[in-house]
Amino acid sequence: MAWKETIIELKSGKIEGMKNNSIPLFNMPIKTKIKSGDTFSCENISYSVTSIENSRDEFLEVMAIENDVKEEKPKEEA
């Protein structure tokens, strides 16, 4: 699994973390205030937290899913 450093935008502010390049899995600092169901954004994509694991009190391993962004298409006139 390849990881990259990234900025994660939470409701409480921005943090530095790591993002997996293959799946929506994030590593966040252990002191991050986040819980299942919360939303955050990373690289202009909105995510919802599905699960959180404390990894040896070193970081939080956060699994998330992308939120659907429905763009409204203009209606064609008849």
PDB file of N, CA and C in Angstrom:
ATOM      1  N   MET A   1       0.835  -1.180   0.000  1.00  0.00           N
ATOM      2  CA  MET A   1       0.000   0.000   0.000  1.00  0.00           C
ATOM      3  C   MET A   1       0.880   1.242   0.000  1.00  0.00           C
ATOM      4  N   ALA A   2       0.589   2.128  -0.920  1.00  0.00           N
ATOM      5  CA  ALA A   2       1.333   3.383  -1.000  1.00  0.00           C
ATOM      6  C   ALA A   2       0.561   4.477  -0.259  1.00  0.00           C
ATOM      7  N   TRP A   3       1.285   5.272   0.486  1.00  0.00           N
ATOM      8  CA  TRP A   3       0.705   6.363   1.262  1.00  0.00           C
ATOM      9  C   TRP A   3       1.335   7.674   0.842  1.00  0.00           C
ATOM     10  N   LYS A   4       0.588   8.780   1.053  1.00  0.00           N
ATOM     11  CA  LYS A   4       1.167  10.094   0.809  1.00  0.00           C
ATOM     12  C   LYS A   4       0.703  11.050   1.897  1.00  0.00           C
ATOM     13  N   GLU A   5       1.562  12.034   2.180  1.00  0.00           N
ATOM     14  CA  GLU A   5       1.205  13.062   3.149  1.00  0.00           C
ATOM     15  C   GLU A   5       0.179  13.983   2.516  1.00  0.00           C
ATOM     16  N   THR A   6      -0.771  14.442   3.330  1.00  0.00           N
ATOM     17  CA  THR A   6      -1.829  15.292   2.808  1.00  0.00           C
ATOM     18  C   THR A   6      -2.397  16.169   3.916  1.00  0.00           C
ATOM     19  N   ILE A   7      -3.174  17.156   3.511  1.00  0.00           N
ATOM     20  CA  ILE A   7      -3.893  18.010   4.450  1.00  0.00           C
ATOM     21  C   ILE A   7      -5.347  17.528   4.488  1.00  0.00           C
ATOM     22  N   ILE A   8      -5.850  17.332   5.696  1.00  0.00           N
ATOM     23  CA  ILE A   8      -7.215  16.869   5.904  1.00  0.00           C
ATOM     24  C   ILE A   8      -7.979  18.012   6.580  1.00  0.00           C
ATOM     25  N   GLU A   9      -9.124  18.367   6.016  1.00  0.00           N
ATOM     26  CA  GLU A   9      -9.924  19.464   6.544  1.00  0.00           C
ATOM     27  C   GLU A   9     -11.093  18.921   7.353  1.00  0.00           C
ATOM     28  N   LEU A  10     -11.030  19.160   8.658  1.00  0.00           N
ATOM     29  CA  LEU A  10     -12.091  18.761   9.581  1.00  0.00           C
ATOM     30  C   LEU A  10     -12.945  19.976   9.914  1.00  0.00           C
ATOM     31  N   LYS A  11     -14.069  19.769  10.591  1.00  0.00           N
ATOM     32  CA  LYS A  11     -14.892  20.900  11.036  1.00  0.00           C
ATOM     33  C   LYS A  11     -14.100  21.813  11.974  1.00  0.00           C
ATOM     34  N   SER A  12     -13.209  21.221  12.752  1.00  0.00           N
ATOM     35  CA  SER A  12     -12.438  21.973  13.741  1.00  0.00           C
ATOM     36  C   SER A  12     -11.182  22.623  13.172  1.00  0.00           C
ATOM     37  N   GLY A  13     -10.839  22.339  11.927  1.00  0.00           N
ATOM     38  CA  GLY A  13      -9.650  22.929  11.308  1.00  0.00           C
ATOM     39  C   GLY A  13      -8.889  21.926  10.466  1.00  0.00           C
ATOM     40  N   LYS A  14      -7.739  22.351   9.986  1.00  0.00           N
ATOM     41  CA  LYS A  14      -6.921  21.506   9.117  1.00  0.00           C
ATOM     42  C   LYS A  14      -5.861  20.765   9.928  1.00  0.00           C
ATOM     43  N   ILE A  15      -5.596  19.519   9.509  1.00  0.00           N
ATOM     44  CA  ILE A  15      -4.541  18.726  10.136  1.00  0.00           C
ATOM     45  C   ILE A  15      -3.691  18.092   9.042  1.00  0.00           C
ATOM     46  N   GLU A  16      -2.481  17.699   9.408  1.00  0.00           N
ATOM     47  CA  GLU A  16      -1.632  16.942   8.499  1.00  0.00           C
ATOM     48  C   GLU A  16      -1.846  15.469   8.789  1.00  0.00           C
ATOM     49  N   GLY A  17      -1.964  14.680   7.731  1.00  0.00           N
ATOM     50  CA  GLY A  17      -2.164  13.253   7.902  1.00  0.00           C
ATOM     51  C   GLY A  17      -1.620  12.499   6.707  1.00  0.00           C
ATOM     52  N   MET A  18      -1.980  11.238   6.626  1.00  0.00           N
ATOM     53  CA  MET A  18      -1.548  10.379   5.525  1.00  0.00           C
ATOM     54  C   MET A  18      -2.794   9.795   4.863  1.00  0.00           C
ATOM     55  N   LYS A  19      -2.723   9.636   3.541  1.00  0.00           N
ATOM     56  CA  LYS A  19      -3.831   9.055   2.779  1.00  0.00           C
ATOM     57  C   LYS A  19      -3.301   7.892   1.962  1.00  0.00           C
ATOM     58  N   ASN A  20      -4.034   6.794   1.993  1.00  0.00           N
ATOM     59  CA  ASN A  20      -3.692   5.646   1.174  1.00  0.00           C
ATOM     60  C   ASN A  20      -4.073   5.953  -0.267  1.00  0.00           C
ATOM     61  N   ASN A  21      -3.211   5.613  -1.213  1.00  0.00           N
ATOM     62  CA  ASN A  21      -3.465   5.923  -2.623  1.00  0.00           C
ATOM     63  C   ASN A  21      -4.474   4.984  -3.271  1.00  0.00           C
ATOM     64  N   SER A  22      -4.739   3.832  -2.668  1.00  0.00           N
ATOM     65  CA  SER A  22      -5.614   2.836  -3.289  1.00  0.00           C
ATOM     66  C   SER A  22      -7.038   2.826  -2.754  1.00  0.00           C
ATOM     67  N   ILE A  23      -7.184   3.037  -1.462  1.00  0.00           N
ATOM     68  CA  ILE A  23      -8.497   2.969  -0.819  1.00  0.00           C
ATOM     69  C   ILE A  23      -8.675   4.183   0.087  1.00  0.00           C
ATOM     70  N   PRO A  24      -9.921   4.538   0.459  1.00  0.00           N
ATOM     71  CA  PRO A  24     -10.136   5.706   1.323  1.00  0.00           C
ATOM     72  C   PRO A  24      -9.812   5.411   2.788  1.00  0.00           C
ATOM     73  N   LEU A  25      -8.529   5.248   3.064  1.00  0.00           N
ATOM     74  CA  LEU A  25      -8.014   4.968   4.400  1.00  0.00           C
ATOM     75  C   LEU A  25      -7.036   6.078   4.761  1.00  0.00           C
ATOM     76  N   PHE A  26      -7.195   6.649   5.955  1.00  0.00           N
ATOM     77  CA  PHE A  26      -6.406   7.802   6.375  1.00  0.00           C
ATOM     78  C   PHE A  26      -5.761   7.534   7.722  1.00  0.00           C
ATOM     79  N   ASN A  27      -4.573   8.062   7.934  1.00  0.00           N
ATOM     80  CA  ASN A  27      -3.930   8.076   9.243  1.00  0.00           C
ATOM     81  C   ASN A  27      -3.961   9.507   9.742  1.00  0.00           C
ATOM     82  N   MET A  28      -4.504   9.685  10.947  1.00  0.00           N
ATOM     83  CA  MET A  28      -4.615  11.007  11.548  1.00  0.00           C
ATOM     84  C   MET A  28      -3.925  10.996  12.899  1.00  0.00           C
ATOM     85  N   PRO A  29      -3.461  12.168  13.357  1.00  0.00           N
ATOM     86  CA  PRO A  29      -2.830  12.225  14.682  1.00  0.00           C
ATOM     87  C   PRO A  29      -3.749  11.659  15.761  1.00  0.00           C
ATOM     88  N   ILE A  30      -3.164  11.025  16.748  1.00  0.00           N
ATOM     89  CA  ILE A  30      -3.900  10.335  17.803  1.00  0.00           C
ATOM     90  C   ILE A  30      -4.845  11.281  18.556  1.00  0.00           C
ATOM     91  N   LYS A  31      -4.512  12.562  18.632  1.00  0.00           N
ATOM     92  CA  LYS A  31      -5.327  13.524  19.375  1.00  0.00           C
ATOM     93  C   LYS A  31      -6.471  14.118  18.556  1.00  0.00           C
ATOM     94  N   THR A  32      -6.640  13.663  17.316  1.00  0.00           N
ATOM     95  CA  THR A  32      -7.699  14.185  16.454  1.00  0.00           C
ATOM     96  C   THR A  32      -9.077  13.845  17.027  1.00  0.00           C
ATOM     97  N   LYS A  33      -9.932  14.847  17.116  1.00  0.00           N
ATOM     98  CA  LYS A  33     -11.305  14.652  17.610  1.00  0.00           C
ATOM     99  C   LYS A  33     -12.184  14.305  16.416  1.00  0.00           C
ATOM    100  N   ILE A  34     -12.416  13.019  16.205  1.00  0.00           N
ATOM    101  CA  ILE A  34     -13.235  12.548  15.092  1.00  0.00           C
ATOM    102  C   ILE A  34     -13.941  11.271  15.519  1.00  0.00           C
ATOM    103  N   LYS A  35     -15.160  11.082  15.010  1.00  0.00           N
ATOM    104  CA  LYS A  35     -15.916   9.875  15.368  1.00  0.00           C
ATOM    105  C   LYS A  35     -16.638   9.353  14.133  1.00  0.00           C
ATOM    106  N   SER A  36     -17.107   8.140  14.211  1.00  0.00           N
ATOM    107  CA  SER A  36     -17.820   7.512  13.115  1.00  0.00           C
ATOM    108  C   SER A  36     -19.030   8.363  12.747  1.00  0.00           C
ATOM    109  N   GLY A  37     -19.219   8.576  11.446  1.00  0.00           N
ATOM    110  CA  GLY A  37     -20.316   9.410  10.959  1.00  0.00           C
ATOM    111  C   GLY A  37     -19.912  10.839  10.655  1.00  0.00           C
ATOM    112  N   ASP A  38     -18.773  11.291  11.216  1.00  0.00           N
ATOM    113  CA  ASP A  38     -18.283  12.640  10.928  1.00  0.00           C
ATOM    114  C   ASP A  38     -17.892  12.755   9.460  1.00  0.00           C
ATOM    115  N   THR A  39     -17.878  13.970   8.964  1.00  0.00           N
ATOM    116  CA  THR A  39     -17.425  14.212   7.594  1.00  0.00           C
ATOM    117  C   THR A  39     -16.164  15.054   7.620  1.00  0.00           C
ATOM    118  N   PHE A  40     -15.344  14.881   6.595  1.00  0.00           N
ATOM    119  CA  PHE A  40     -14.136  15.683   6.408  1.00  0.00           C
ATOM    120  C   PHE A  40     -13.840  15.727   4.920  1.00  0.00           C
ATOM    121  N   SER A  41     -12.908  16.581   4.529  1.00  0.00           N
ATOM    122  CA  SER A  41     -12.526  16.622   3.117  1.00  0.00           C
ATOM    123  C   SER A  41     -11.017  16.518   2.979  1.00  0.00           C
ATOM    124  N   CYS A  42     -10.632  15.983   1.844  1.00  0.00           N
ATOM    125  CA  CYS A  42      -9.218  15.811   1.519  1.00  0.00           C
ATOM    126  C   CYS A  42      -9.101  15.878  -0.001  1.00  0.00           C
ATOM    127  N   GLU A  43      -8.237  16.744  -0.476  1.00  0.00           N
ATOM    128  CA  GLU A  43      -8.015  16.899  -1.913  1.00  0.00           C
ATOM    129  C   GLU A  43      -9.331  17.160  -2.657  1.00  0.00           C
ATOM    130  N   ASN A  44     -10.136  18.053  -2.094  1.00  0.00           N
ATOM    131  CA  ASN A  44     -11.412  18.485  -2.675  1.00  0.00           C
ATOM    132  C   ASN A  44     -12.453  17.368  -2.803  1.00  0.00           C
ATOM    133  N   ILE A  45     -12.313  16.316  -2.016  1.00  0.00           N
ATOM    134  CA  ILE A  45     -13.294  15.232  -1.981  1.00  0.00           C
ATOM    135  C   ILE A  45     -13.834  15.137  -0.557  1.00  0.00           C
ATOM    136  N   SER A  46     -15.153  15.041  -0.437  1.00  0.00           N
ATOM    137  CA  SER A  46     -15.796  14.926   0.865  1.00  0.00           C
ATOM    138  C   SER A  46     -15.939  13.452   1.237  1.00  0.00           C
ATOM    139  N   TYR A  47     -15.635  13.138   2.501  1.00  0.00           N
ATOM    140  CA  TYR A  47     -15.696  11.761   2.990  1.00  0.00           C
ATOM    141  C   TYR A  47     -16.536  11.691   4.261  1.00  0.00           C
ATOM    142  N   SER A  48     -17.122  10.517   4.520  1.00  0.00           N
ATOM    143  CA  SER A  48     -17.791  10.213   5.784  1.00  0.00           C
ATOM    144  C   SER A  48     -17.032   9.073   6.454  1.00  0.00           C
ATOM    145  N   VAL A  49     -16.796   9.221   7.746  1.00  0.00           N
ATOM    146  CA  VAL A  49     -16.054   8.224   8.515  1.00  0.00           C
ATOM    147  C   VAL A  49     -16.932   6.996   8.741  1.00  0.00           C
ATOM    148  N   THR A  50     -16.396   5.814   8.416  1.00  0.00           N
ATOM    149  CA  THR A  50     -17.120   4.566   8.663  1.00  0.00           C
ATOM    150  C   THR A  50     -16.564   3.805   9.862  1.00  0.00           C
ATOM    151  N   SER A  51     -15.256   3.907  10.112  1.00  0.00           N
ATOM    152  CA  SER A  51     -14.675   3.248  11.280  1.00  0.00           C
ATOM    153  C   SER A  51     -13.361   3.917  11.658  1.00  0.00           C
ATOM    154  N   ILE A  52     -13.016   3.781  12.931  1.00  0.00           N
ATOM    155  CA  ILE A  52     -11.778   4.362  13.461  1.00  0.00           C
ATOM    156  C   ILE A  52     -11.106   3.327  14.344  1.00  0.00           C
ATOM    157  N   GLU A  53      -9.806   3.146  14.160  1.00  0.00           N
ATOM    158  CA  GLU A  53      -9.023   2.252  15.017  1.00  0.00           C
ATOM    159  C   GLU A  53      -7.846   3.008  15.588  1.00  0.00           C
ATOM    160  N   ASN A  54      -7.580   2.792  16.871  1.00  0.00           N
ATOM    161  CA  ASN A  54      -6.412   3.359  17.512  1.00  0.00           C
ATOM    162  C   ASN A  54      -5.247   2.416  17.220  1.00  0.00           C
ATOM    163  N   SER A  55      -4.269   2.910  16.499  1.00  0.00           N
ATOM    164  CA  SER A  55      -3.130   2.071  16.131  1.00  0.00           C
ATOM    165  C   SER A  55      -1.983   2.276  17.120  1.00  0.00           C
ATOM    166  N   ARG A  56      -1.968   1.449  18.150  1.00  0.00           N
ATOM    167  CA  ARG A  56      -0.901   1.438  19.162  1.00  0.00           C
ATOM    168  C   ARG A  56      -0.652   2.813  19.804  1.00  0.00           C
ATOM    169  N   ASP A  57      -1.714   3.610  19.955  1.00  0.00           N
ATOM    170  CA  ASP A  57      -1.602   4.959  20.524  1.00  0.00           C
ATOM    171  C   ASP A  57      -0.618   5.839  19.766  1.00  0.00           C
ATOM    172  N   GLU A  58      -0.390   5.527  18.481  1.00  0.00           N
ATOM    173  CA  GLU A  58       0.504   6.335  17.655  1.00  0.00           C
ATOM    174  C   GLU A  58      -0.280   7.207  16.680  1.00  0.00           C
ATOM    175  N   PHE A  59      -1.358   6.657  16.122  1.00  0.00           N
ATOM    176  CA  PHE A  59      -2.203   7.406  15.194  1.00  0.00           C
ATOM    177  C   PHE A  59      -3.567   6.737  15.113  1.00  0.00           C
ATOM    178  N   LEU A  60      -4.534   7.455  14.538  1.00  0.00           N
ATOM    179  CA  LEU A  60      -5.852   6.892  14.296  1.00  0.00           C
ATOM    180  C   LEU A  60      -5.915   6.434  12.848  1.00  0.00           C
ATOM    181  N   GLU A  61      -6.351   5.213  12.647  1.00  0.00           N
ATOM    182  CA  GLU A  61      -6.555   4.686  11.303  1.00  0.00           C
ATOM    183  C   GLU A  61      -8.043   4.869  10.994  1.00  0.00           C
ATOM    184  N   VAL A  62      -8.336   5.756  10.045  1.00  0.00           N
ATOM    185  CA  VAL A  62      -9.713   6.146   9.751  1.00  0.00           C
ATOM    186  C   VAL A  62     -10.121   5.625   8.379  1.00  0.00           C
ATOM    187  N   MET A  63     -11.147   4.773   8.360  1.00  0.00           N
ATOM    188  CA  MET A  63     -11.710   4.277   7.107  1.00  0.00           C
ATOM    189  C   MET A  63     -12.908   5.160   6.779  1.00  0.00           C
ATOM    190  N   ALA A  64     -13.043   5.525   5.501  1.00  0.00           N
ATOM    191  CA  ALA A  64     -14.116   6.439   5.110  1.00  0.00           C
ATOM    192  C   ALA A  64     -14.682   6.044   3.750  1.00  0.00           C
ATOM    193  N   ILE A  65     -15.802   6.653   3.417  1.00  0.00           N
ATOM    194  CA  ILE A  65     -16.369   6.494   2.082  1.00  0.00           C
ATOM    195  C   ILE A  65     -16.565   7.881   1.486  1.00  0.00           C
ATOM    196  N   GLU A  66     -16.463   7.961   0.170  1.00  0.00           N
ATOM    197  CA  GLU A  66     -16.687   9.239  -0.506  1.00  0.00           C
ATOM    198  C   GLU A  66     -18.170   9.566  -0.440  1.00  0.00           C
ATOM    199  N   ASN A  67     -18.463  10.834  -0.185  1.00  0.00           N
ATOM    200  CA  ASN A  67     -19.849  11.298  -0.205  1.00  0.00           C
ATOM    201  C   ASN A  67     -20.245  11.576  -1.644  1.00  0.00           C
ATOM    202  N   ASP A  68     -21.461  11.196  -1.982  1.00  0.00           N
ATOM    203  CA  ASP A  68     -21.964  11.469  -3.324  1.00  0.00           C
ATOM    204  C   ASP A  68     -22.223  12.960  -3.473  1.00  0.00           C
ATOM    205  N   VAL A  69     -21.719  13.499  -4.544  1.00  0.00           N
ATOM    206  CA  VAL A  69     -21.974  14.902  -4.855  1.00  0.00           C
ATOM    207  C   VAL A  69     -22.838  14.913  -6.101  1.00  0.00           C
ATOM    208  N   LYS A  70     -24.084  15.295  -5.911  1.00  0.00           N
ATOM    209  CA  LYS A  70     -25.012  15.296  -7.040  1.00  0.00           C
ATOM    210  C   LYS A  70     -25.058  16.697  -7.631  1.00  0.00           C
ATOM    211  N   GLU A  71     -24.591  16.781  -8.861  1.00  0.00           N
ATOM    212  CA  GLU A  71     -24.634  18.065  -9.541  1.00  0.00           C
ATOM    213  C   GLU A  71     -25.953  18.156 -10.278  1.00  0.00           C
ATOM    214  N   GLU A  72     -26.588  19.299 -10.112  1.00  0.00           N
ATOM    215  CA  GLU A  72     -27.865  19.492 -10.772  1.00  0.00           C
ATOM    216  C   GLU A  72     -27.626  19.876 -12.223  1.00  0.00           C
ATOM    217  N   LYS A  73     -28.193  19.076 -13.111  1.00  0.00           N
ATOM    218  CA  LYS A  73     -28.047  19.350 -14.529  1.00  0.00           C
ATOM    219  C   LYS A  73     -29.160  20.280 -14.975  1.00  0.00           C
ATOM    220  N   PRO A  74     -28.828  21.285 -15.793  1.00  0.00           N
ATOM    221  CA  PRO A  74     -29.883  22.178 -16.276  1.00  0.00           C
ATOM    222  C   PRO A  74     -30.876  21.427 -17.158  1.00  0.00           C
ATOM    223  N   LYS A  75     -32.139  21.729 -16.975  1.00  0.00           N
ATOM    224  CA  LYS A  75     -33.176  21.071 -17.775  1.00  0.00           C
ATOM    225  C   LYS A  75     -33.219  21.701 -19.167  1.00  0.00           C
ATOM    226  N   GLU A  76     -33.353  20.845 -20.151  1.00  0.00           N
ATOM    227  CA  GLU A  76     -33.458  21.337 -21.524  1.00  0.00           C
ATOM    228  C   GLU A  76     -34.878  21.778 -21.780  1.00  0.00           C
ATOM    229  N   GLU A  77     -35.006  22.925 -22.437  1.00  0.00           N
ATOM    230  CA  GLU A  77     -36.337  23.419 -22.755  1.00  0.00           C
ATOM    231  C   GLU A  77     -36.843  22.749 -24.020  1.00  0.00           C
ATOM    232  N   ALA A  78     -38.142  22.423 -24.045  1.00  0.00           N
ATOM    233  CA  ALA A  78     -38.735  21.747 -25.195  1.00  0.00           C
ATOM    234  C   ALA A  78     -39.059  22.725 -26.304  1.00  0.00           C
TER     235      ALA A  78
END
